[in-house]
Amino acid sequence: MEVDYSLTEDDFITFQMYSSGESAQQRKKRRRRRFLVPILYSLIAVYFFSSQEPVIAGFFLAFSAVWLFLFPVYSRWQHRRYFRAYIKENYRSKIDGKTILRLEDEGLHSSGCDSEGTLKYSGVDELIELESLYLIRLKQAMTLLLPRERIEATQLDEFMKEVSTRTGLEIKDHKARCWK
């Protein structure tokens, strides 16, 4: 059984956003940035309230509230923008390049525009289903991306079920997972 596909810039961005959202270190960093600015502005507002300047204090409080609620939107936009530039620079050769992934007795055989090789089934660490991608995570800190839009749905589902059977791993459903 084999699937052939090509990856777009959006597929790589989706993967990078998912990986960033799953990273505890990245989530902690974003949480710190989200709450640190409103806390500092609230402290400044308290100072202005105590100095009998309620209008200026109100502006600082309003800005801290706006920051608190709009930061997730801003952060998501900022990360997408950063990942888009990163992908254009580093994945130029892989975008729109044809990749063939074939199931063989000894493992997954992958051949693409710049590499070819067989990945043993024992080297597969995780199978993940996202809204627009299937991910096959390998133990060598690599991930194979399979786009759902450019592979026939039944063929892709059968392929992933067969990979799941051969590796003995369950496919984790992360379709509803949102970026944090």
Protein backbone atom coordinates (compact mmCIF):
# COMPACT_ATOMS: atom_id res chain seq x y z
CA MET A 1 0.00 0.00 0.00
CA GLU A 2 1.34 3.43 -0.86
CA VAL A 3 0.32 7.09 -0.73
CA ASP A 4 1.82 9.90 -2.73
CA TYR A 5 1.39 13.54 -1.82
CA SER A 6 3.00 16.93 -1.71
CA LEU A 7 3.21 19.27 1.26
CA THR A 8 2.34 22.94 1.18
CA GLU A 9 3.54 25.80 3.33
CA ASP A 10 0.27 25.62 5.31
CA ASP A 11 0.93 21.97 6.20
CA PHE A 12 4.30 22.88 7.69
CA ILE A 13 2.76 25.86 9.54
CA THR A 14 0.02 23.64 10.97
CA PHE A 15 2.65 21.19 12.20
CA GLN A 16 4.84 23.92 13.70
CA MET A 17 1.85 25.50 15.47
CA TYR A 18 0.81 22.08 16.84
CA SER A 19 4.35 21.32 18.04
CA SER A 20 4.64 24.75 19.65
CA GLY A 21 1.29 24.29 21.36
CA GLU A 22 2.34 20.90 22.72
CA SER A 23 5.63 22.18 24.14
CA ALA A 24 5.36 22.82 27.89
CA GLN A 25 8.26 25.26 27.70
CA GLN A 26 6.61 27.30 24.95
CA ARG A 27 3.23 27.33 26.76
CA LYS A 28 4.94 28.54 29.94
CA LYS A 29 6.72 31.30 28.03
CA ARG A 30 3.48 32.48 26.39
CA ARG A 31 1.60 32.33 29.71
CA ARG A 32 4.32 34.45 31.35
CA ARG A 33 4.12 37.04 28.54
CA ARG A 34 0.35 37.07 28.71
CA PHE A 35 0.15 37.85 32.42
CA LEU A 36 3.33 39.83 33.10
CA VAL A 37 2.34 42.94 31.09
CA PRO A 38 -1.15 43.29 32.68
CA ILE A 39 0.33 42.84 36.15
CA LEU A 40 2.92 45.56 35.53
CA TYR A 41 0.30 47.94 34.09
CA SER A 42 -2.04 47.21 37.00
CA LEU A 43 0.74 48.11 39.44
CA ILE A 44 1.30 51.36 37.55
CA ALA A 45 -2.47 51.99 37.71
CA VAL A 46 -2.41 51.50 41.50
CA TYR A 47 0.39 54.07 41.72
CA PHE A 48 -1.65 56.60 39.71
CA PHE A 49 -4.76 55.91 41.80
CA SER A 50 -2.77 56.63 44.94
CA SER A 51 -1.42 59.84 43.31
CA GLN A 52 -4.98 61.07 42.71
CA GLU A 53 -4.78 60.52 38.93
CA PRO A 54 -7.77 58.21 38.29
CA VAL A 55 -8.03 58.95 34.54
CA ILE A 56 -4.46 57.86 33.84
CA ALA A 57 -4.93 54.86 36.14
CA GLY A 58 -8.07 53.95 34.19
CA PHE A 59 -6.11 53.96 30.92
CA PHE A 60 -3.51 51.62 32.38
CA LEU A 61 -6.20 49.28 33.73
CA ALA A 62 -8.05 49.32 30.40
CA PHE A 63 -4.85 48.56 28.49
CA SER A 64 -4.02 45.68 30.83
CA ALA A 65 -7.52 44.20 30.33
CA VAL A 66 -7.28 44.56 26.55
CA TRP A 67 -3.82 42.95 26.59
CA LEU A 68 -5.07 40.06 28.71
CA PHE A 69 -7.91 39.22 26.32
CA LEU A 70 -6.26 39.99 22.97
CA PHE A 71 -2.82 38.53 23.67
CA PRO A 72 -3.76 34.98 22.55
CA VAL A 73 -4.91 36.31 19.16
CA TYR A 74 -1.78 38.45 18.81
CA SER A 75 0.49 35.60 19.90
CA ARG A 76 -1.09 33.16 17.42
CA TRP A 77 -0.67 35.73 14.61
CA GLN A 78 2.93 36.42 15.64
CA HIS A 79 3.86 32.73 15.75
CA ARG A 80 2.22 32.02 12.38
CA ARG A 81 4.15 34.92 10.87
CA TYR A 82 7.43 33.70 12.36
CA PHE A 83 6.83 30.10 11.25
CA ARG A 84 5.87 31.24 7.73
CA ALA A 85 9.20 33.08 7.35
CA TYR A 86 11.12 30.16 8.89
CA ILE A 87 9.48 27.65 6.56
CA LYS A 88 10.07 29.77 3.45
CA GLU A 89 13.75 29.94 4.35
CA ASN A 90 14.38 26.37 5.53
CA TYR A 91 11.83 24.14 3.78
CA ARG A 92 11.95 25.67 0.30
CA SER A 93 12.95 22.39 -1.35
CA LYS A 94 10.23 20.37 0.40
CA ILE A 95 7.28 22.62 -0.42
CA ASP A 96 5.24 21.16 -3.31
CA GLY A 97 7.75 18.35 -3.77
CA LYS A 98 6.23 14.93 -4.40
CA THR A 99 6.66 12.35 -1.63
CA ILE A 100 5.80 8.66 -1.81
CA LEU A 101 5.26 6.69 1.39
CA ARG A 102 4.96 2.93 0.97
CA LEU A 103 4.28 0.17 3.48
CA GLU A 104 6.77 -2.67 3.22
CA ASP A 105 7.40 -5.74 5.36
CA GLU A 106 10.40 -4.23 7.16
CA GLY A 107 9.05 -0.69 7.56
CA LEU A 108 7.82 2.51 5.92
CA HIS A 109 9.67 3.34 2.71
CA SER A 110 9.77 7.06 2.05
CA SER A 111 11.04 8.68 -1.09
CA GLY A 112 10.89 12.38 -1.76
CA CYS A 113 12.57 15.16 -3.64
CA ASP A 114 15.75 15.13 -1.56
CA SER A 115 15.89 11.81 0.31
CA GLU A 116 14.92 8.18 0.31
CA GLY A 117 14.95 5.57 3.03
CA THR A 118 13.17 2.90 5.02
CA LEU A 119 11.97 3.60 8.53
CA LYS A 120 11.50 0.53 10.71
CA TYR A 121 8.10 0.12 12.36
CA SER A 122 9.84 -0.16 15.74
CA GLY A 123 11.14 3.40 15.18
CA VAL A 124 7.63 4.85 15.10
CA ASP A 125 6.86 6.57 18.39
CA GLU A 126 3.40 8.09 17.92
CA LEU A 127 0.52 8.33 15.44
CA ILE A 128 -1.50 11.56 15.67
CA GLU A 129 -4.56 12.74 13.78
CA LEU A 130 -5.03 16.50 13.45
CA GLU A 131 -7.75 18.43 11.66
CA SER A 132 -5.77 18.70 8.40
CA LEU A 133 -2.83 16.30 8.91
CA TYR A 134 -1.84 12.88 10.10
CA LEU A 135 1.49 12.84 11.92
CA ILE A 136 3.80 9.86 12.19
CA ARG A 137 6.30 10.74 14.91
CA LEU A 138 9.54 8.82 14.93
CA LYS A 139 11.84 8.12 17.86
CA GLN A 140 14.67 10.04 16.14
CA ALA A 141 12.77 13.32 16.73
CA MET A 142 11.47 13.36 13.18
CA THR A 143 7.88 13.55 11.99
CA LEU A 144 6.24 12.51 8.76
CA LEU A 145 3.35 14.76 7.72
CA LEU A 146 0.47 13.36 5.68
CA PRO A 147 -1.98 16.01 4.44
CA ARG A 148 -5.62 14.98 4.57
CA GLU A 149 -6.66 17.37 1.79
CA ARG A 150 -4.38 15.98 -0.91
CA ILE A 151 -4.77 12.26 -0.26
CA GLU A 152 -8.05 10.47 -0.82
CA ALA A 153 -9.76 10.10 2.58
CA THR A 154 -10.45 6.36 2.43
CA GLN A 155 -6.96 5.60 1.12
CA LEU A 156 -5.34 7.69 3.87
CA ASP A 157 -7.52 6.20 6.62
CA GLU A 158 -6.71 2.66 5.45
CA PHE A 159 -3.01 3.53 5.25
CA MET A 160 -2.96 4.91 8.80
CA LYS A 161 -4.94 1.94 10.16
CA GLU A 162 -2.41 -0.39 8.56
CA VAL A 163 0.50 1.61 10.07
CA SER A 164 -1.30 1.44 13.42
CA THR A 165 -1.69 -2.33 13.12
CA ARG A 166 1.93 -2.90 12.11
CA THR A 167 3.36 -0.65 14.84
CA GLY A 168 0.88 -1.67 17.55
CA LEU A 169 0.18 1.99 18.32
CA GLU A 170 -3.19 3.70 18.61
CA ILE A 171 -3.93 6.78 16.51
CA LYS A 172 -4.34 9.70 18.92
CA ASP A 173 -7.21 12.00 18.01
CA HIS A 174 -6.03 15.60 18.40
CA LYS A 175 -8.47 17.12 15.90
CA ALA A 176 -10.18 19.30 18.50
CA ARG A 177 -6.94 20.39 20.15
CA CYS A 178 -6.54 24.14 20.06
CA TRP A 179 -3.32 26.11 20.08
CA LYS A 180 -2.39 27.25 23.60
